[in-house]
């Protein structure tokens, strides 16, 4: 269950990064936001792989 929570947390973090970039920073740092989202996505992928391997 902790893998599902980690996967959900990574989704929330990605949305939070884009929300902050769009509202507070007026898309001035969109490249940096995408770069941060990439690393959060890779962490979420690791949670998914661990959950998939844990079920087997």
C-alpha atoms as a PDB file:
ATOM      1  CA  UNK A   1       0.000   0.000   0.000  1.00  0.00           C
ATOM      2  CA  UNK A   2       2.934   2.356   0.591  1.00  0.00           C
ATOM      3  CA  UNK A   3       3.821   2.134  -3.116  1.00  0.00           C
ATOM      4  CA  UNK A   4       0.351   3.343  -4.085  1.00  0.00           C
ATOM      5  CA  UNK A   5       0.682   6.247  -1.652  1.00  0.00           C
ATOM      6  CA  UNK A   6       4.076   7.110  -3.134  1.00  0.00           C
ATOM      7  CA  UNK A   7       2.666   6.996  -6.640  1.00  0.00           C
ATOM      8  CA  UNK A   8      -0.205   9.279  -5.635  1.00  0.00           C
ATOM      9  CA  UNK A   9       2.198  11.649  -3.863  1.00  0.00           C
ATOM     10  CA  UNK A  10       4.335  11.917  -6.992  1.00  0.00           C
ATOM     11  CA  UNK A  11       1.229  12.777  -9.025  1.00  0.00           C
ATOM     12  CA  UNK A  12       0.275  15.484  -6.530  1.00  0.00           C
ATOM     13  CA  UNK A  13       3.807  16.913  -6.592  1.00  0.00           C
ATOM     14  CA  UNK A  14       3.799  17.141 -10.384  1.00  0.00           C
ATOM     15  CA  UNK A  15       0.483  18.974 -10.330  1.00  0.00           C
ATOM     16  CA  UNK A  16       1.754  21.278  -7.568  1.00  0.00           C
ATOM     17  CA  UNK A  17       4.905  22.169  -9.515  1.00  0.00           C
ATOM     18  CA  UNK A  18       2.882  23.107 -12.577  1.00  0.00           C
ATOM     19  CA  UNK A  19       0.302  25.001 -10.545  1.00  0.00           C
ATOM     20  CA  UNK A  20       2.989  27.092  -8.844  1.00  0.00           C
ATOM     21  CA  UNK A  21       4.735  27.740 -12.147  1.00  0.00           C
ATOM     22  CA  UNK A  22       1.525  28.824 -13.873  1.00  0.00           C
ATOM     23  CA  UNK A  23       0.010  30.947 -11.114  1.00  0.00           C
ATOM     24  CA  UNK A  24       2.825  32.398  -9.020  1.00  0.00           C
ATOM     25  CA  UNK A  25       5.677  32.492 -11.518  1.00  0.00           C
ATOM     26  CA  UNK A  26       3.622  33.289 -14.667  1.00  0.00           C
ATOM     27  CA  UNK A  27       5.333  30.536 -16.722  1.00  0.00           C
ATOM     28  CA  UNK A  28       8.727  32.225 -16.450  1.00  0.00           C
ATOM     29  CA  UNK A  29      10.397  29.009 -15.343  1.00  0.00           C
ATOM     30  CA  UNK A  30       8.423  26.467 -17.343  1.00  0.00           C
ATOM     31  CA  UNK A  31      11.559  24.661 -18.520  1.00  0.00           C
ATOM     32  CA  UNK A  32      12.735  24.192 -14.944  1.00  0.00           C
ATOM     33  CA  UNK A  33       9.236  23.040 -13.918  1.00  0.00           C
ATOM     34  CA  UNK A  34       9.234  20.418 -16.673  1.00  0.00           C
ATOM     35  CA  UNK A  35      12.722  19.294 -15.609  1.00  0.00           C
ATOM     36  CA  UNK A  36      11.554  18.900 -11.988  1.00  0.00           C
ATOM     37  CA  UNK A  37       8.434  17.073 -13.168  1.00  0.00           C
ATOM     38  CA  UNK A  38      10.620  14.657 -15.118  1.00  0.00           C
ATOM     39  CA  UNK A  39      12.482  13.613 -11.978  1.00  0.00           C
ATOM     40  CA  UNK A  40       9.239  13.304 -10.023  1.00  0.00           C
ATOM     41  CA  UNK A  41       7.847  11.158 -12.849  1.00  0.00           C
ATOM     42  CA  UNK A  42      10.907   8.904 -12.710  1.00  0.00           C
ATOM     43  CA  UNK A  43      10.444   8.515  -8.949  1.00  0.00           C
ATOM     44  CA  UNK A  44       6.778   7.643  -9.537  1.00  0.00           C
ATOM     45  CA  UNK A  45       7.854   5.079 -12.117  1.00  0.00           C
ATOM     46  CA  UNK A  46      10.063   3.470  -9.493  1.00  0.00           C
ATOM     47  CA  UNK A  47       7.099   3.273  -7.119  1.00  0.00           C
ATOM     48  CA  UNK A  48       5.073   1.627  -9.895  1.00  0.00           C
ATOM     49  CA  UNK A  49       7.800  -0.914 -10.673  1.00  0.00           C
ATOM     50  CA  UNK A  50       8.211  -1.757  -6.988  1.00  0.00           C
ATOM     51  CA  UNK A  51       4.447  -2.213  -6.599  1.00  0.00           C
ATOM     52  CA  UNK A  52       4.322  -4.438  -9.667  1.00  0.00           C
ATOM     53  CA  UNK A  53       7.199  -6.584  -8.391  1.00  0.00           C
ATOM     54  CA  UNK A  54       5.719  -6.700  -4.890  1.00  0.00           C
ATOM     55  CA  UNK A  55       2.489  -8.261  -6.166  1.00  0.00           C
ATOM     56  CA  UNK A  56       4.384 -11.136  -7.821  1.00  0.00           C
END
